């Protein structure tokens, strides 16, 4: 933390783009949360893996990668998202990888990992293979999700690792223009996006981001159309709107693109009134800085239910 008050606030604002606490303890026993490392491209890469109590190695189970935001890390993202809880309930493996210098090379060009030419696609591909070797993983049911920088990175994986990843869940991110211009997945990938309409860091109208890692991004509408096109969806989206059940001033609009190639799906959640947050998660910074965290849905459960419907084509 910086020494002066002004620097401290600057640091907090930057962390807002990253999303989430970085080193808060986990609720599960240490025996079920395993720290690992590996060498990729001459760099040591680290991660935290969670194995649910139901795992016995007698049957193949799904694997979910959860990617932190800029200045975040795997441990803090486990606390923010509470994916361990969802893992224990539904019986899948979950891993929280660490980006170098708390960043991912998501293709926008502005993160430390992007600037240094780090190949995070290669790292995450190798991590999937490593975990599939160490555990009994259903390789047709491997998924990735992430927030902010991690949400942009999840889409880069959908473009470049479609032979390993069946679906992605994107939180507080649209699609980077650089990634969209080069995106050519070998297999269709189901995509879920959840983003607040009042996100102060990732504008849903797209354009050039002025904070955090910056870069040119698509609007939410453009992101939806891009993925619908890539997945060959043949129908217009079905739109549903739910009331503010939580009474917190937010509301959920859901756009569902179906009739897509190989049974894939594109699903967009507009969190009306929501900010740069993990829906249902911790309000990790004041609303004045990052906007409101909706209580009208639990993003981790919604993402898992979406993943559960989709396997590798």
C-alpha atoms as a PDB file:
ATOM      1  CA  UNK A   1       0.000   0.000   0.000  1.00  0.00           C
ATOM      2  CA  UNK A   2       1.297   3.432  -0.799  1.00  0.00           C
ATOM      3  CA  UNK A   3       2.576   5.695   1.977  1.00  0.00           C
ATOM      4  CA  UNK A   4       0.432   8.749   1.324  1.00  0.00           C
ATOM      5  CA  UNK A   5      -3.343   9.063   1.392  1.00  0.00           C
ATOM      6  CA  UNK A   6      -3.545  10.187  -2.227  1.00  0.00           C
ATOM      7  CA  UNK A   7      -1.439   7.305  -3.406  1.00  0.00           C
ATOM      8  CA  UNK A   8      -3.550   4.933  -1.358  1.00  0.00           C
ATOM      9  CA  UNK A   9      -6.717   6.065  -3.176  1.00  0.00           C
ATOM     10  CA  UNK A  10      -4.991   5.778  -6.554  1.00  0.00           C
ATOM     11  CA  UNK A  11      -4.027   2.246  -5.668  1.00  0.00           C
ATOM     12  CA  UNK A  12      -7.617   1.405  -4.690  1.00  0.00           C
ATOM     13  CA  UNK A  13      -8.944   2.768  -7.968  1.00  0.00           C
ATOM     14  CA  UNK A  14      -6.503   0.613  -9.928  1.00  0.00           C
ATOM     15  CA  UNK A  15      -7.474  -2.410  -7.871  1.00  0.00           C
ATOM     16  CA  UNK A  16     -11.075  -1.749  -8.858  1.00  0.00           C
ATOM     17  CA  UNK A  17     -10.127  -2.687 -12.404  1.00  0.00           C
ATOM     18  CA  UNK A  18      -8.669  -5.871 -11.117  1.00  0.00           C
ATOM     19  CA  UNK A  19     -11.458  -6.775  -8.851  1.00  0.00           C
ATOM     20  CA  UNK A  20     -11.323  -8.436  -5.616  1.00  0.00           C
ATOM     21  CA  UNK A  21      -9.273  -9.183  -2.562  1.00  0.00           C
ATOM     22  CA  UNK A  22      -5.909 -10.830  -3.099  1.00  0.00           C
ATOM     23  CA  UNK A  23      -4.970 -12.818  -0.036  1.00  0.00           C
ATOM     24  CA  UNK A  24      -7.947 -13.595   2.166  1.00  0.00           C
ATOM     25  CA  UNK A  25      -8.035 -17.064   3.692  1.00  0.00           C
ATOM     26  CA  UNK A  26     -10.219 -19.817   2.270  1.00  0.00           C
ATOM     27  CA  UNK A  27     -13.081 -21.531   4.043  1.00  0.00           C
ATOM     28  CA  UNK A  28     -12.108 -25.058   3.026  1.00  0.00           C
ATOM     29  CA  UNK A  29      -9.570 -27.204   4.880  1.00  0.00           C
ATOM     30  CA  UNK A  30      -5.944 -26.911   3.676  1.00  0.00           C
ATOM     31  CA  UNK A  31      -5.997 -30.558   2.586  1.00  0.00           C
ATOM     32  CA  UNK A  32      -8.521 -29.680  -0.107  1.00  0.00           C
ATOM     33  CA  UNK A  33      -6.849 -26.476  -1.299  1.00  0.00           C
ATOM     34  CA  UNK A  34      -3.554 -27.266  -2.959  1.00  0.00           C
ATOM     35  CA  UNK A  35      -0.932 -24.777  -4.089  1.00  0.00           C
ATOM     36  CA  UNK A  36       0.874 -25.816  -7.287  1.00  0.00           C
ATOM     37  CA  UNK A  37       3.477 -24.508  -9.702  1.00  0.00           C
ATOM     38  CA  UNK A  38       4.882 -25.355 -13.113  1.00  0.00           C
ATOM     39  CA  UNK A  39       7.372 -24.035 -15.651  1.00  0.00           C
ATOM     40  CA  UNK A  40       5.999 -22.604 -18.897  1.00  0.00           C
ATOM     41  CA  UNK A  41       8.187 -20.745 -21.417  1.00  0.00           C
ATOM     42  CA  UNK A  42      10.942 -20.474 -18.836  1.00  0.00           C
ATOM     43  CA  UNK A  43       8.691 -18.819 -16.256  1.00  0.00           C
ATOM     44  CA  UNK A  44       7.393 -20.256 -13.009  1.00  0.00           C
ATOM     45  CA  UNK A  45       3.612 -20.198 -12.993  1.00  0.00           C
ATOM     46  CA  UNK A  46       1.503 -20.783  -9.902  1.00  0.00           C
ATOM     47  CA  UNK A  47      -2.071 -21.731  -9.112  1.00  0.00           C
ATOM     48  CA  UNK A  48      -4.435 -22.813  -6.339  1.00  0.00           C
ATOM     49  CA  UNK A  49      -6.506 -25.949  -6.918  1.00  0.00           C
ATOM     50  CA  UNK A  50      -9.608 -26.950  -4.974  1.00  0.00           C
ATOM     51  CA  UNK A  51     -10.698 -30.578  -4.834  1.00  0.00           C
ATOM     52  CA  UNK A  52     -14.261 -31.119  -3.559  1.00  0.00           C
ATOM     53  CA  UNK A  53     -14.858 -33.668  -0.791  1.00  0.00           C
ATOM     54  CA  UNK A  54     -16.881 -35.834  -3.169  1.00  0.00           C
ATOM     55  CA  UNK A  55     -13.923 -36.425  -5.503  1.00  0.00           C
ATOM     56  CA  UNK A  56     -12.691 -40.003  -5.220  1.00  0.00           C
ATOM     57  CA  UNK A  57     -10.866 -40.511  -8.506  1.00  0.00           C
ATOM     58  CA  UNK A  58     -13.318 -43.186  -9.580  1.00  0.00           C
ATOM     59  CA  UNK A  59     -15.094 -41.062 -12.194  1.00  0.00           C
ATOM     60  CA  UNK A  60     -14.184 -38.186 -14.468  1.00  0.00           C
ATOM     61  CA  UNK A  61     -15.363 -34.783 -13.230  1.00  0.00           C
ATOM     62  CA  UNK A  62     -15.530 -31.319 -14.851  1.00  0.00           C
ATOM     63  CA  UNK A  63     -12.796 -28.703 -14.376  1.00  0.00           C
ATOM     64  CA  UNK A  64     -13.389 -24.946 -14.040  1.00  0.00           C
ATOM     65  CA  UNK A  65     -10.640 -22.319 -14.392  1.00  0.00           C
ATOM     66  CA  UNK A  66     -11.400 -19.061 -12.528  1.00  0.00           C
ATOM     67  CA  UNK A  67      -9.275 -16.087 -13.644  1.00  0.00           C
ATOM     68  CA  UNK A  68      -8.637 -13.039 -11.473  1.00  0.00           C
ATOM     69  CA  UNK A  69      -8.778  -9.414 -12.551  1.00  0.00           C
ATOM     70  CA  UNK A  70      -5.880  -6.975 -12.934  1.00  0.00           C
ATOM     71  CA  UNK A  71      -3.935  -6.739  -9.631  1.00  0.00           C
ATOM     72  CA  UNK A  72      -5.828  -9.729  -8.277  1.00  0.00           C
ATOM     73  CA  UNK A  73      -4.599 -13.251  -7.611  1.00  0.00           C
ATOM     74  CA  UNK A  74      -6.024 -16.744  -7.417  1.00  0.00           C
ATOM     75  CA  UNK A  75      -6.486 -16.850  -3.653  1.00  0.00           C
ATOM     76  CA  UNK A  76      -8.356 -13.549  -3.527  1.00  0.00           C
ATOM     77  CA  UNK A  77     -10.557 -14.601  -6.445  1.00  0.00           C
ATOM     78  CA  UNK A  78     -11.494 -17.801  -4.633  1.00  0.00           C
ATOM     79  CA  UNK A  79     -12.722 -15.625  -1.768  1.00  0.00           C
ATOM     80  CA  UNK A  80     -14.518 -13.151  -4.031  1.00  0.00           C
ATOM     81  CA  UNK A  81     -16.364 -15.726  -6.154  1.00  0.00           C
ATOM     82  CA  UNK A  82     -16.881 -18.472  -3.560  1.00  0.00           C
ATOM     83  CA  UNK A  83     -16.442 -21.032  -6.332  1.00  0.00           C
ATOM     84  CA  UNK A  84     -15.173 -23.553  -3.748  1.00  0.00           C
ATOM     85  CA  UNK A  85     -18.702 -23.621  -2.340  1.00  0.00           C
ATOM     86  CA  UNK A  86     -20.188 -24.267  -5.775  1.00  0.00           C
ATOM     87  CA  UNK A  87     -17.514 -26.905  -6.449  1.00  0.00           C
ATOM     88  CA  UNK A  88     -18.365 -28.743  -3.237  1.00  0.00           C
ATOM     89  CA  UNK A  89     -22.081 -28.612  -4.002  1.00  0.00           C
ATOM     90  CA  UNK A  90     -21.815 -29.882  -7.584  1.00  0.00           C
ATOM     91  CA  UNK A  91     -18.661 -32.003  -7.487  1.00  0.00           C
ATOM     92  CA  UNK A  92     -16.263 -30.427  -9.971  1.00  0.00           C
ATOM     93  CA  UNK A  93     -12.595 -29.430  -9.687  1.00  0.00           C
ATOM     94  CA  UNK A  94     -11.789 -25.717  -9.652  1.00  0.00           C
ATOM     95  CA  UNK A  95      -8.441 -24.001 -10.184  1.00  0.00           C
ATOM     96  CA  UNK A  96      -7.465 -20.377  -9.607  1.00  0.00           C
ATOM     97  CA  UNK A  97      -4.358 -19.599 -11.697  1.00  0.00           C
ATOM     98  CA  UNK A  98      -2.103 -16.615 -10.996  1.00  0.00           C
ATOM     99  CA  UNK A  99      -1.229 -14.196 -13.785  1.00  0.00           C
ATOM    100  CA  UNK A 100       2.297 -12.773 -13.873  1.00  0.00           C
ATOM    101  CA  UNK A 101       2.525  -9.374 -12.176  1.00  0.00           C
ATOM    102  CA  UNK A 102      -1.139  -9.883 -11.275  1.00  0.00           C
ATOM    103  CA  UNK A 103      -2.205  -9.582 -14.904  1.00  0.00           C
ATOM    104  CA  UNK A 104      -3.236 -11.610 -17.953  1.00  0.00           C
ATOM    105  CA  UNK A 105      -2.149 -11.123 -21.550  1.00  0.00           C
ATOM    106  CA  UNK A 106      -5.753 -10.769 -22.675  1.00  0.00           C
ATOM    107  CA  UNK A 107      -4.948  -9.222 -26.064  1.00  0.00           C
ATOM    108  CA  UNK A 108      -5.834  -5.590 -25.388  1.00  0.00           C
ATOM    109  CA  UNK A 109      -2.136  -4.753 -25.161  1.00  0.00           C
ATOM    110  CA  UNK A 110      -2.036  -2.743 -21.929  1.00  0.00           C
ATOM    111  CA  UNK A 111      -1.328  -5.237 -19.140  1.00  0.00           C
ATOM    112  CA  UNK A 112       2.225  -6.048 -17.978  1.00  0.00           C
ATOM    113  CA  UNK A 113       1.797  -9.585 -19.334  1.00  0.00           C
ATOM    114  CA  UNK A 114       0.678  -8.260 -22.737  1.00  0.00           C
ATOM    115  CA  UNK A 115       3.542  -5.761 -22.849  1.00  0.00           C
ATOM    116  CA  UNK A 116       6.116  -8.465 -22.037  1.00  0.00           C
ATOM    117  CA  UNK A 117       4.729 -10.952 -24.560  1.00  0.00           C
ATOM    118  CA  UNK A 118       3.654 -13.543 -21.986  1.00  0.00           C
ATOM    119  CA  UNK A 119       1.824 -16.465 -23.600  1.00  0.00           C
ATOM    120  CA  UNK A 120      -0.997 -17.021 -21.119  1.00  0.00           C
ATOM    121  CA  UNK A 121      -2.899 -19.163 -23.612  1.00  0.00           C
ATOM    122  CA  UNK A 122       0.038 -21.604 -23.546  1.00  0.00           C
ATOM    123  CA  UNK A 123       0.173 -21.489 -19.729  1.00  0.00           C
ATOM    124  CA  UNK A 124      -3.522 -22.188 -19.257  1.00  0.00           C
ATOM    125  CA  UNK A 125      -3.482 -24.908 -21.902  1.00  0.00           C
ATOM    126  CA  UNK A 126      -0.565 -26.592 -20.122  1.00  0.00           C
ATOM    127  CA  UNK A 127      -2.330 -26.205 -16.774  1.00  0.00           C
ATOM    128  CA  UNK A 128      -5.414 -27.993 -18.101  1.00  0.00           C
ATOM    129  CA  UNK A 129      -3.219 -30.850 -19.347  1.00  0.00           C
ATOM    130  CA  UNK A 130      -1.349 -31.028 -16.029  1.00  0.00           C
ATOM    131  CA  UNK A 131      -4.523 -31.236 -13.960  1.00  0.00           C
ATOM    132  CA  UNK A 132      -6.033 -33.784 -16.356  1.00  0.00           C
ATOM    133  CA  UNK A 133      -2.911 -35.913 -15.762  1.00  0.00           C
ATOM    134  CA  UNK A 134      -3.039 -35.557 -11.976  1.00  0.00           C
ATOM    135  CA  UNK A 135      -6.804 -35.966 -11.564  1.00  0.00           C
ATOM    136  CA  UNK A 136      -9.562 -37.757 -13.397  1.00  0.00           C
ATOM    137  CA  UNK A 137     -10.900 -34.859 -15.472  1.00  0.00           C
ATOM    138  CA  UNK A 138     -13.706 -35.063 -18.006  1.00  0.00           C
ATOM    139  CA  UNK A 139     -11.822 -33.353 -20.841  1.00  0.00           C
ATOM    140  CA  UNK A 140     -15.081 -32.693 -22.705  1.00  0.00           C
ATOM    141  CA  UNK A 141     -16.221 -30.572 -19.742  1.00  0.00           C
ATOM    142  CA  UNK A 142     -13.459 -28.032 -19.132  1.00  0.00           C
ATOM    143  CA  UNK A 143     -14.560 -24.408 -18.652  1.00  0.00           C
ATOM    144  CA  UNK A 144     -13.092 -20.970 -17.966  1.00  0.00           C
ATOM    145  CA  UNK A 145     -14.526 -17.929 -16.251  1.00  0.00           C
ATOM    146  CA  UNK A 146     -13.076 -14.670 -15.014  1.00  0.00           C
ATOM    147  CA  UNK A 147     -13.694 -11.084 -14.034  1.00  0.00           C
ATOM    148  CA  UNK A 148     -12.447  -7.901 -15.730  1.00  0.00           C
ATOM    149  CA  UNK A 149      -8.931  -8.703 -17.043  1.00  0.00           C
ATOM    150  CA  UNK A 150      -9.836 -12.352 -16.379  1.00  0.00           C
ATOM    151  CA  UNK A 151     -13.101 -11.945 -18.314  1.00  0.00           C
ATOM    152  CA  UNK A 152     -11.255 -10.576 -21.339  1.00  0.00           C
ATOM    153  CA  UNK A 153      -8.763 -13.442 -20.982  1.00  0.00           C
ATOM    154  CA  UNK A 154     -11.545 -16.037 -20.849  1.00  0.00           C
ATOM    155  CA  UNK A 155     -12.680 -14.890 -24.277  1.00  0.00           C
ATOM    156  CA  UNK A 156      -9.144 -15.112 -25.603  1.00  0.00           C
ATOM    157  CA  UNK A 157      -9.195 -18.743 -24.467  1.00  0.00           C
ATOM    158  CA  UNK A 158     -12.511 -19.315 -26.245  1.00  0.00           C
ATOM    159  CA  UNK A 159     -10.863 -18.065 -29.431  1.00  0.00           C
ATOM    160  CA  UNK A 160      -7.564 -19.931 -29.048  1.00  0.00           C
ATOM    161  CA  UNK A 161      -8.317 -23.025 -26.950  1.00  0.00           C
ATOM    162  CA  UNK A 162     -11.676 -24.137 -28.317  1.00  0.00           C
ATOM    163  CA  UNK A 163     -10.369 -27.712 -28.573  1.00  0.00           C
ATOM    164  CA  UNK A 164      -9.872 -27.774 -24.797  1.00  0.00           C
ATOM    165  CA  UNK A 165     -12.609 -25.486 -23.466  1.00  0.00           C
ATOM    166  CA  UNK A 166     -16.326 -26.121 -23.927  1.00  0.00           C
ATOM    167  CA  UNK A 167     -17.719 -22.842 -22.551  1.00  0.00           C
ATOM    168  CA  UNK A 168     -16.654 -19.582 -20.929  1.00  0.00           C
ATOM    169  CA  UNK A 169     -18.274 -17.255 -18.415  1.00  0.00           C
ATOM    170  CA  UNK A 170     -17.330 -13.578 -18.672  1.00  0.00           C
ATOM    171  CA  UNK A 171     -17.908 -11.119 -15.809  1.00  0.00           C
ATOM    172  CA  UNK A 172     -17.399  -7.331 -16.006  1.00  0.00           C
ATOM    173  CA  UNK A 173     -15.869  -7.432 -19.488  1.00  0.00           C
ATOM    174  CA  UNK A 174     -16.909  -7.184 -23.110  1.00  0.00           C
ATOM    175  CA  UNK A 175     -14.593  -8.358 -25.936  1.00  0.00           C
ATOM    176  CA  UNK A 176     -11.320  -6.709 -26.865  1.00  0.00           C
ATOM    177  CA  UNK A 177     -11.296  -5.426 -30.462  1.00  0.00           C
ATOM    178  CA  UNK A 178      -7.878  -6.944 -31.151  1.00  0.00           C
ATOM    179  CA  UNK A 179      -9.078 -10.354 -30.010  1.00  0.00           C
ATOM    180  CA  UNK A 180     -12.344 -10.057 -31.943  1.00  0.00           C
ATOM    181  CA  UNK A 181     -10.493  -9.233 -35.162  1.00  0.00           C
ATOM    182  CA  UNK A 182      -8.446 -12.438 -34.919  1.00  0.00           C
ATOM    183  CA  UNK A 183     -10.917 -14.779 -33.233  1.00  0.00           C
ATOM    184  CA  UNK A 184     -11.344 -18.010 -35.210  1.00  0.00           C
ATOM    185  CA  UNK A 185     -12.158 -20.895 -32.855  1.00  0.00           C
ATOM    186  CA  UNK A 186     -11.719 -24.344 -34.359  1.00  0.00           C
ATOM    187  CA  UNK A 187     -14.819 -25.525 -32.504  1.00  0.00           C
ATOM    188  CA  UNK A 188     -17.871 -23.538 -31.377  1.00  0.00           C
ATOM    189  CA  UNK A 189     -17.732 -22.430 -27.730  1.00  0.00           C
ATOM    190  CA  UNK A 190     -20.729 -21.474 -25.598  1.00  0.00           C
ATOM    191  CA  UNK A 191     -20.381 -17.995 -24.093  1.00  0.00           C
ATOM    192  CA  UNK A 192     -22.042 -16.357 -21.097  1.00  0.00           C
ATOM    193  CA  UNK A 193     -21.481 -12.655 -20.346  1.00  0.00           C
ATOM    194  CA  UNK A 194     -22.581 -10.832 -17.169  1.00  0.00           C
ATOM    195  CA  UNK A 195     -21.889  -7.102 -16.955  1.00  0.00           C
ATOM    196  CA  UNK A 196     -23.325  -4.121 -15.124  1.00  0.00           C
ATOM    197  CA  UNK A 197     -24.897  -1.332 -17.143  1.00  0.00           C
ATOM    198  CA  UNK A 198     -23.274   1.177 -14.766  1.00  0.00           C
ATOM    199  CA  UNK A 199     -19.803  -0.347 -14.803  1.00  0.00           C
ATOM    200  CA  UNK A 200     -17.464   2.656 -14.378  1.00  0.00           C
ATOM    201  CA  UNK A 201     -14.395   0.815 -15.687  1.00  0.00           C
ATOM    202  CA  UNK A 202     -15.638  -1.293 -18.627  1.00  0.00           C
ATOM    203  CA  UNK A 203     -18.253   0.765 -20.511  1.00  0.00           C
ATOM    204  CA  UNK A 204     -20.950  -1.369 -22.101  1.00  0.00           C
ATOM    205  CA  UNK A 205     -21.068   1.067 -25.036  1.00  0.00           C
ATOM    206  CA  UNK A 206     -17.515   0.029 -25.942  1.00  0.00           C
ATOM    207  CA  UNK A 207     -14.782   2.274 -27.309  1.00  0.00           C
ATOM    208  CA  UNK A 208     -11.380   3.000 -25.777  1.00  0.00           C
ATOM    209  CA  UNK A 209     -11.067   2.216 -22.072  1.00  0.00           C
ATOM    210  CA  UNK A 210      -9.592   5.103 -20.099  1.00  0.00           C
ATOM    211  CA  UNK A 211      -8.750   3.213 -16.910  1.00  0.00           C
ATOM    212  CA  UNK A 212      -6.840   0.104 -15.909  1.00  0.00           C
ATOM    213  CA  UNK A 213      -5.208  -1.736 -18.801  1.00  0.00           C
ATOM    214  CA  UNK A 214      -7.082   0.369 -21.345  1.00  0.00           C
ATOM    215  CA  UNK A 215      -7.437  -0.817 -24.922  1.00  0.00           C
ATOM    216  CA  UNK A 216     -10.227  -0.712 -27.491  1.00  0.00           C
ATOM    217  CA  UNK A 217     -13.223  -2.899 -26.707  1.00  0.00           C
ATOM    218  CA  UNK A 218     -16.490  -3.878 -28.345  1.00  0.00           C
ATOM    219  CA  UNK A 219     -19.785  -2.760 -26.883  1.00  0.00           C
ATOM    220  CA  UNK A 220     -21.912  -5.341 -25.119  1.00  0.00           C
ATOM    221  CA  UNK A 221     -24.253  -5.497 -28.123  1.00  0.00           C
ATOM    222  CA  UNK A 222     -21.290  -5.979 -30.480  1.00  0.00           C
ATOM    223  CA  UNK A 223     -19.824  -8.649 -28.210  1.00  0.00           C
ATOM    224  CA  UNK A 224     -23.105 -10.559 -28.227  1.00  0.00           C
ATOM    225  CA  UNK A 225     -23.410 -10.341 -32.017  1.00  0.00           C
ATOM    226  CA  UNK A 226     -19.776 -11.384 -32.492  1.00  0.00           C
ATOM    227  CA  UNK A 227     -20.185 -14.546 -30.457  1.00  0.00           C
ATOM    228  CA  UNK A 228     -23.589 -15.300 -31.995  1.00  0.00           C
ATOM    229  CA  UNK A 229     -21.941 -15.083 -35.414  1.00  0.00           C
ATOM    230  CA  UNK A 230     -18.939 -17.202 -34.421  1.00  0.00           C
ATOM    231  CA  UNK A 231     -21.282 -19.852 -32.987  1.00  0.00           C
ATOM    232  CA  UNK A 232     -23.578 -19.751 -36.011  1.00  0.00           C
ATOM    233  CA  UNK A 233     -26.681 -18.822 -34.006  1.00  0.00           C
ATOM    234  CA  UNK A 234     -29.614 -18.612 -36.398  1.00  0.00           C
ATOM    235  CA  UNK A 235     -32.253 -16.854 -34.326  1.00  0.00           C
ATOM    236  CA  UNK A 236     -32.648 -13.446 -32.759  1.00  0.00           C
ATOM    237  CA  UNK A 237     -32.181 -13.409 -28.997  1.00  0.00           C
ATOM    238  CA  UNK A 238     -35.041 -14.198 -26.688  1.00  0.00           C
ATOM    239  CA  UNK A 239     -35.211 -11.350 -24.164  1.00  0.00           C
ATOM    240  CA  UNK A 240     -36.504 -11.765 -20.613  1.00  0.00           C
ATOM    241  CA  UNK A 241     -36.475  -9.220 -17.776  1.00  0.00           C
ATOM    242  CA  UNK A 242     -36.843 -10.073 -14.111  1.00  0.00           C
ATOM    243  CA  UNK A 243     -38.001  -7.696 -11.370  1.00  0.00           C
ATOM    244  CA  UNK A 244     -35.766  -6.423  -8.593  1.00  0.00           C
ATOM    245  CA  UNK A 245     -36.411  -9.342  -6.234  1.00  0.00           C
ATOM    246  CA  UNK A 246     -33.662  -8.198  -3.831  1.00  0.00           C
ATOM    247  CA  UNK A 247     -34.915  -4.625  -3.659  1.00  0.00           C
ATOM    248  CA  UNK A 248     -31.400  -3.256  -4.174  1.00  0.00           C
ATOM    249  CA  UNK A 249     -32.089  -1.066  -7.202  1.00  0.00           C
ATOM    250  CA  UNK A 250     -30.778  -3.559  -9.791  1.00  0.00           C
ATOM    251  CA  UNK A 251     -32.610  -5.718 -12.298  1.00  0.00           C
ATOM    252  CA  UNK A 252     -31.627  -8.560 -14.623  1.00  0.00           C
ATOM    253  CA  UNK A 253     -32.219  -8.601 -18.361  1.00  0.00           C
ATOM    254  CA  UNK A 254     -31.291 -11.842 -20.113  1.00  0.00           C
ATOM    255  CA  UNK A 255     -30.708 -12.199 -23.882  1.00  0.00           C
ATOM    256  CA  UNK A 256     -30.554 -15.829 -25.041  1.00  0.00           C
ATOM    257  CA  UNK A 257     -29.183 -16.761 -28.471  1.00  0.00           C
ATOM    258  CA  UNK A 258     -30.097 -20.358 -29.266  1.00  0.00           C
ATOM    259  CA  UNK A 259     -30.246 -22.506 -32.424  1.00  0.00           C
ATOM    260  CA  UNK A 260     -26.444 -22.316 -32.535  1.00  0.00           C
ATOM    261  CA  UNK A 261     -23.898 -24.741 -34.001  1.00  0.00           C
ATOM    262  CA  UNK A 262     -23.466 -28.078 -32.191  1.00  0.00           C
ATOM    263  CA  UNK A 263     -25.916 -27.066 -29.473  1.00  0.00           C
ATOM    264  CA  UNK A 264     -23.849 -24.115 -28.298  1.00  0.00           C
ATOM    265  CA  UNK A 265     -25.459 -21.047 -26.749  1.00  0.00           C
ATOM    266  CA  UNK A 266     -24.722 -17.355 -26.232  1.00  0.00           C
ATOM    267  CA  UNK A 267     -26.289 -15.871 -23.118  1.00  0.00           C
ATOM    268  CA  UNK A 268     -26.006 -12.211 -22.093  1.00  0.00           C
ATOM    269  CA  UNK A 269     -26.945 -10.890 -18.654  1.00  0.00           C
ATOM    270  CA  UNK A 270     -27.401  -7.133 -18.494  1.00  0.00           C
ATOM    271  CA  UNK A 271     -27.154  -6.249 -14.797  1.00  0.00           C
ATOM    272  CA  UNK A 272     -29.215  -3.075 -14.916  1.00  0.00           C
ATOM    273  CA  UNK A 273     -27.828  -0.718 -12.286  1.00  0.00           C
ATOM    274  CA  UNK A 274     -24.883  -3.034 -11.541  1.00  0.00           C
ATOM    275  CA  UNK A 275     -21.225  -1.999 -11.412  1.00  0.00           C
ATOM    276  CA  UNK A 276     -17.761  -3.486 -11.907  1.00  0.00           C
ATOM    277  CA  UNK A 277     -18.458  -6.344  -9.529  1.00  0.00           C
ATOM    278  CA  UNK A 278     -19.062 -10.083  -9.190  1.00  0.00           C
ATOM    279  CA  UNK A 279     -22.871 -10.438  -8.963  1.00  0.00           C
ATOM    280  CA  UNK A 280     -23.785 -11.893  -5.601  1.00  0.00           C
ATOM    281  CA  UNK A 281     -20.195 -11.527  -4.369  1.00  0.00           C
ATOM    282  CA  UNK A 282     -18.516  -9.193  -1.922  1.00  0.00           C
ATOM    283  CA  UNK A 283     -18.808  -5.425  -2.325  1.00  0.00           C
ATOM    284  CA  UNK A 284     -15.008  -5.277  -2.233  1.00  0.00           C
ATOM    285  CA  UNK A 285     -14.732  -1.491  -2.681  1.00  0.00           C
ATOM    286  CA  UNK A 286     -17.252   1.321  -2.085  1.00  0.00           C
ATOM    287  CA  UNK A 287     -20.088   1.793  -4.581  1.00  0.00           C
ATOM    288  CA  UNK A 288     -18.755   5.278  -5.285  1.00  0.00           C
ATOM    289  CA  UNK A 289     -15.671   3.675  -6.844  1.00  0.00           C
ATOM    290  CA  UNK A 290     -16.878   0.490  -8.543  1.00  0.00           C
ATOM    291  CA  UNK A 291     -20.675   0.639  -8.569  1.00  0.00           C
ATOM    292  CA  UNK A 292     -23.209  -1.676  -6.995  1.00  0.00           C
ATOM    293  CA  UNK A 293     -23.061  -5.440  -6.484  1.00  0.00           C
ATOM    294  CA  UNK A 294     -26.455  -6.911  -7.374  1.00  0.00           C
ATOM    295  CA  UNK A 295     -28.084  -9.374  -4.996  1.00  0.00           C
ATOM    296  CA  UNK A 296     -30.580 -10.483  -7.628  1.00  0.00           C
ATOM    297  CA  UNK A 297     -28.401 -13.394  -8.717  1.00  0.00           C
ATOM    298  CA  UNK A 298     -25.437 -15.510  -7.634  1.00  0.00           C
ATOM    299  CA  UNK A 299     -22.979 -15.292 -10.540  1.00  0.00           C
ATOM    300  CA  UNK A 300     -21.044 -18.404  -9.536  1.00  0.00           C
ATOM    301  CA  UNK A 301     -24.173 -20.580  -9.482  1.00  0.00           C
ATOM    302  CA  UNK A 302     -25.469 -19.032 -12.727  1.00  0.00           C
ATOM    303  CA  UNK A 303     -22.128 -19.647 -14.438  1.00  0.00           C
ATOM    304  CA  UNK A 304     -21.962 -23.257 -13.258  1.00  0.00           C
ATOM    305  CA  UNK A 305     -25.531 -23.981 -14.387  1.00  0.00           C
ATOM    306  CA  UNK A 306     -24.598 -22.564 -17.791  1.00  0.00           C
ATOM    307  CA  UNK A 307     -21.442 -24.702 -17.955  1.00  0.00           C
ATOM    308  CA  UNK A 308     -23.360 -27.777 -16.849  1.00  0.00           C
ATOM    309  CA  UNK A 309     -25.488 -27.597 -20.013  1.00  0.00           C
ATOM    310  CA  UNK A 310     -22.530 -27.650 -22.390  1.00  0.00           C
ATOM    311  CA  UNK A 311     -19.891 -30.201 -23.357  1.00  0.00           C
ATOM    312  CA  UNK A 312     -17.211 -30.255 -26.032  1.00  0.00           C
ATOM    313  CA  UNK A 313     -18.881 -30.691 -29.465  1.00  0.00           C
END
